[in-house]
Protein backbone atom coordinates (compact mmCIF):
# COMPACT_ATOMS: atom_id res chain seq x y z
CA MET A 1 -45.27 17.34 12.88
CA ILE A 2 -44.25 16.86 8.60
CA ARG A 3 -41.69 19.55 9.02
CA ALA A 4 -40.10 18.81 12.48
CA SER A 5 -39.61 15.56 10.71
CA LYS A 6 -38.09 16.99 7.47
CA TYR A 7 -35.76 18.99 9.55
CA PHE A 8 -34.36 15.96 11.48
CA ILE A 9 -33.94 14.05 8.24
CA ILE A 10 -31.55 16.86 7.25
CA LEU A 11 -29.50 17.19 10.37
CA LEU A 12 -29.14 13.45 10.44
CA LEU A 13 -27.89 13.29 6.79
CA PHE A 14 -25.51 16.14 7.56
CA LEU A 15 -24.38 14.13 10.56
CA ALA A 16 -23.72 11.14 8.31
CA SER A 17 -21.59 13.63 5.95
CA CYS A 18 -20.01 14.52 8.56
CA GLN A 19 -18.89 11.15 9.58
CA GLU A 20 -17.83 10.29 6.47
CA GLU A 21 -15.23 12.44 5.82
CA ASP A 22 -13.62 11.70 9.25
CA ALA A 23 -13.52 7.86 8.08
CA PHE A 24 -10.22 8.92 6.91
CA PRO A 25 -7.37 8.31 8.83
CA GLU A 26 -5.33 11.53 10.14
CA THR A 27 -1.95 11.03 10.00
CA ALA A 28 0.36 8.65 7.85
CA GLU A 29 0.88 6.25 10.50
CA ASP A 30 -2.62 5.67 10.87
CA THR A 31 -3.58 5.67 7.15
CA LEU A 32 -0.63 2.63 6.94
CA ARG A 33 -2.49 0.68 9.79
CA GLN A 34 -5.98 1.24 8.47
CA TYR A 35 -4.57 0.34 4.90
CA GLN A 36 -2.70 -3.00 5.81
CA SER A 37 -5.73 -3.89 8.23
CA TYR A 38 -7.89 -3.63 4.49
CA ILE A 39 -5.42 -5.30 2.62
CA ASP A 40 -5.00 -8.02 5.42
CA ASN A 41 -8.43 -8.53 4.90
CA ASN A 42 -9.12 -8.75 1.37
CA ASP A 43 -10.91 -5.57 1.51
CA PHE A 44 -9.49 -3.82 -1.73
CA ILE A 45 -12.28 -1.83 -2.09
CA ASN A 46 -11.81 0.27 1.03
CA ALA A 47 -8.04 0.01 0.32
CA ARG A 48 -7.88 1.80 -2.48
CA LEU A 49 -9.92 4.63 -1.20
CA LEU A 50 -6.35 5.12 0.48
CA SER A 51 -4.63 5.28 -2.41
CA THR A 52 -3.40 6.83 -5.08
CA SER A 53 -4.12 6.05 -9.01
CA LYS A 54 -0.78 3.55 -9.30
CA GLU A 55 -1.25 1.88 -6.08
CA GLN A 56 -5.17 1.15 -6.89
CA VAL A 57 -3.85 -0.46 -10.36
CA ARG A 58 -1.30 -2.60 -8.52
CA LEU A 59 -4.27 -3.76 -5.98
CA PHE A 60 -6.30 -5.00 -8.44
CA GLU A 61 -3.66 -6.93 -9.97
CA LEU A 62 -2.94 -8.47 -6.31
CA GLU A 63 -6.64 -8.59 -5.53
CA LYS A 64 -6.44 -10.92 -9.09
CA ILE A 65 -4.45 -13.10 -7.52
CA ILE A 66 -5.69 -13.64 -4.13
CA ASN A 67 -9.04 -14.29 -5.63
CA LYS A 68 -7.02 -17.54 -7.68
CA GLU A 69 -5.56 -18.69 -4.69
CA VAL A 70 -8.96 -18.43 -2.90
CA VAL A 71 -10.66 -20.58 -5.90
CA ILE A 72 -7.69 -23.11 -5.85
CA SER A 73 -7.70 -23.76 -2.32
CA GLU A 74 -11.15 -22.82 -0.10
CA SER A 75 -9.80 -24.71 3.06
CA GLU A 76 -6.96 -22.10 3.15
CA SER A 77 -7.23 -18.69 4.22
CA SER A 78 -6.14 -16.15 2.52
CA LEU A 79 -6.58 -13.27 5.46
CA LEU A 80 -3.52 -11.94 7.46
CA HIS A 81 -3.12 -9.98 10.33
CA THR A 82 0.04 -7.89 10.16
CA VAL A 83 1.49 -6.46 13.68
CA PHE A 84 3.64 -3.08 13.08
CA HIS A 85 6.21 -3.47 15.67
CA SER A 86 7.41 0.40 14.58
CA ILE A 87 6.69 3.21 11.78
CA THR A 88 9.37 5.81 11.13
CA CYS A 89 8.15 8.62 8.93
CA GLU A 90 10.52 10.95 6.85
CA LYS A 91 9.04 14.02 5.11
CA LYS A 92 10.48 14.37 1.47
CA GLU A 93 9.87 17.10 -1.07
CA THR A 94 6.68 15.67 -2.66
CA TYR A 95 5.84 13.11 -0.46
CA THR A 96 6.26 11.08 2.71
CA GLN A 97 8.40 7.78 3.25
CA CYS A 98 7.65 5.30 6.03
CA VAL A 99 9.11 2.53 6.99
CA CYS A 100 8.13 -0.44 8.95
CA ASP A 101 8.66 -3.18 10.89
CA LEU A 102 6.20 -5.69 10.43
CA GLU A 103 5.18 -9.30 11.67
CA ASP A 104 2.87 -11.82 10.06
CA GLU A 105 1.77 -15.18 10.25
CA TYR A 106 4.69 -16.53 8.41
CA GLU A 107 7.48 -13.83 8.90
CA ARG A 108 9.01 -10.67 10.54
CA TYR A 109 10.26 -8.09 7.76
CA LYS A 110 10.73 -4.39 6.71
CA GLN A 111 8.50 -2.74 4.40
CA MET A 112 8.85 1.12 2.90
CA PHE A 113 5.57 2.76 2.32
CA ARG A 114 5.35 5.86 0.03
CA LEU A 115 2.41 8.66 0.92
CA VAL A 116 1.29 11.12 -0.71
CA LYS A 117 -1.22 14.16 0.59
CA LYS A 118 -4.47 14.99 -1.48
CA ASP A 119 -7.31 17.06 -0.48
CA GLU A 120 -5.71 16.74 3.26
CA HIS A 121 -5.58 13.04 2.82
CA TRP A 122 -2.88 10.69 3.10
CA LEU A 123 -3.05 8.34 0.41
CA VAL A 124 -0.54 5.08 -0.21
CA ASP A 125 1.38 4.92 -3.30
CA ALA A 126 2.46 2.45 -5.28
CA PRO A 127 6.14 1.41 -4.48
CA GLU A 128 9.28 2.80 -6.70
CA GLU A 129 9.42 -0.39 -9.68
CA GLU A 130 12.83 -2.13 -8.21
CA ILE A 131 15.37 -2.68 -10.74
CA ILE A 132 16.15 -6.45 -11.23
CA ILE A 133 19.17 -7.56 -12.59
CA ASP A 134 19.64 -11.27 -13.34
CA ASP A 135 22.61 -12.57 -12.15
CA GLU A 136 23.36 -14.15 -15.10
CA ILE A 137 23.46 -11.07 -17.43
CA LEU A 138 25.40 -9.25 -14.90
CA LEU A 139 27.79 -11.97 -14.59
CA ASN A 140 28.18 -11.95 -18.93
CA VAL A 141 28.57 -7.52 -18.61
CA MET A 142 31.26 -8.33 -16.22
CA ASP A 143 33.45 -11.11 -18.32
CA SER A 144 32.93 -8.55 -21.21
CA LEU A 145 34.27 -5.85 -19.28
CA LYS A 146 37.25 -7.98 -17.99
CA PHE A 147 37.74 -9.38 -21.71
CA SER A 148 37.92 -5.88 -22.89
CA ILE A 149 40.63 -4.36 -20.45
CA ASP A 150 42.64 -7.71 -20.93
CA SER A 151 42.55 -6.74 -24.58
CA LEU A 152 44.08 -3.51 -24.22
CA GLU A 153 47.61 -2.86 -24.59
CA PHE A 154 49.40 -0.67 -23.04
């Protein structure tokens, strides 16, 4: 009897490990939906499981901001419900880029995501850093260029 229960326990552990592997979404689109669901519910632990190390750093910062907001205004919910109206993914050389038409409680918007494949699972990668140019700096550069051109004698 003890021997049969030992095999039963081993079988249960094996089945549990198989189910754990299936916990990862199969497609890039499904990964995005699951990832966003975790973010919407402030479940940053599970969101990090679907993220690259660069995105995990960004999520730690986001989590800090959300946690501060929750402490400041406990009466307001920090949970969202994001609806995916469409997801269009294009495979690049080393990653897949997906453009999503999203809507939450506040607005409808487009969002771009980068996903990479690691160990047969899709992971959300941190967005490439955007270059933000201050309007005042841009105007100063343009003025200096104009001055340089005006000062040239032909």
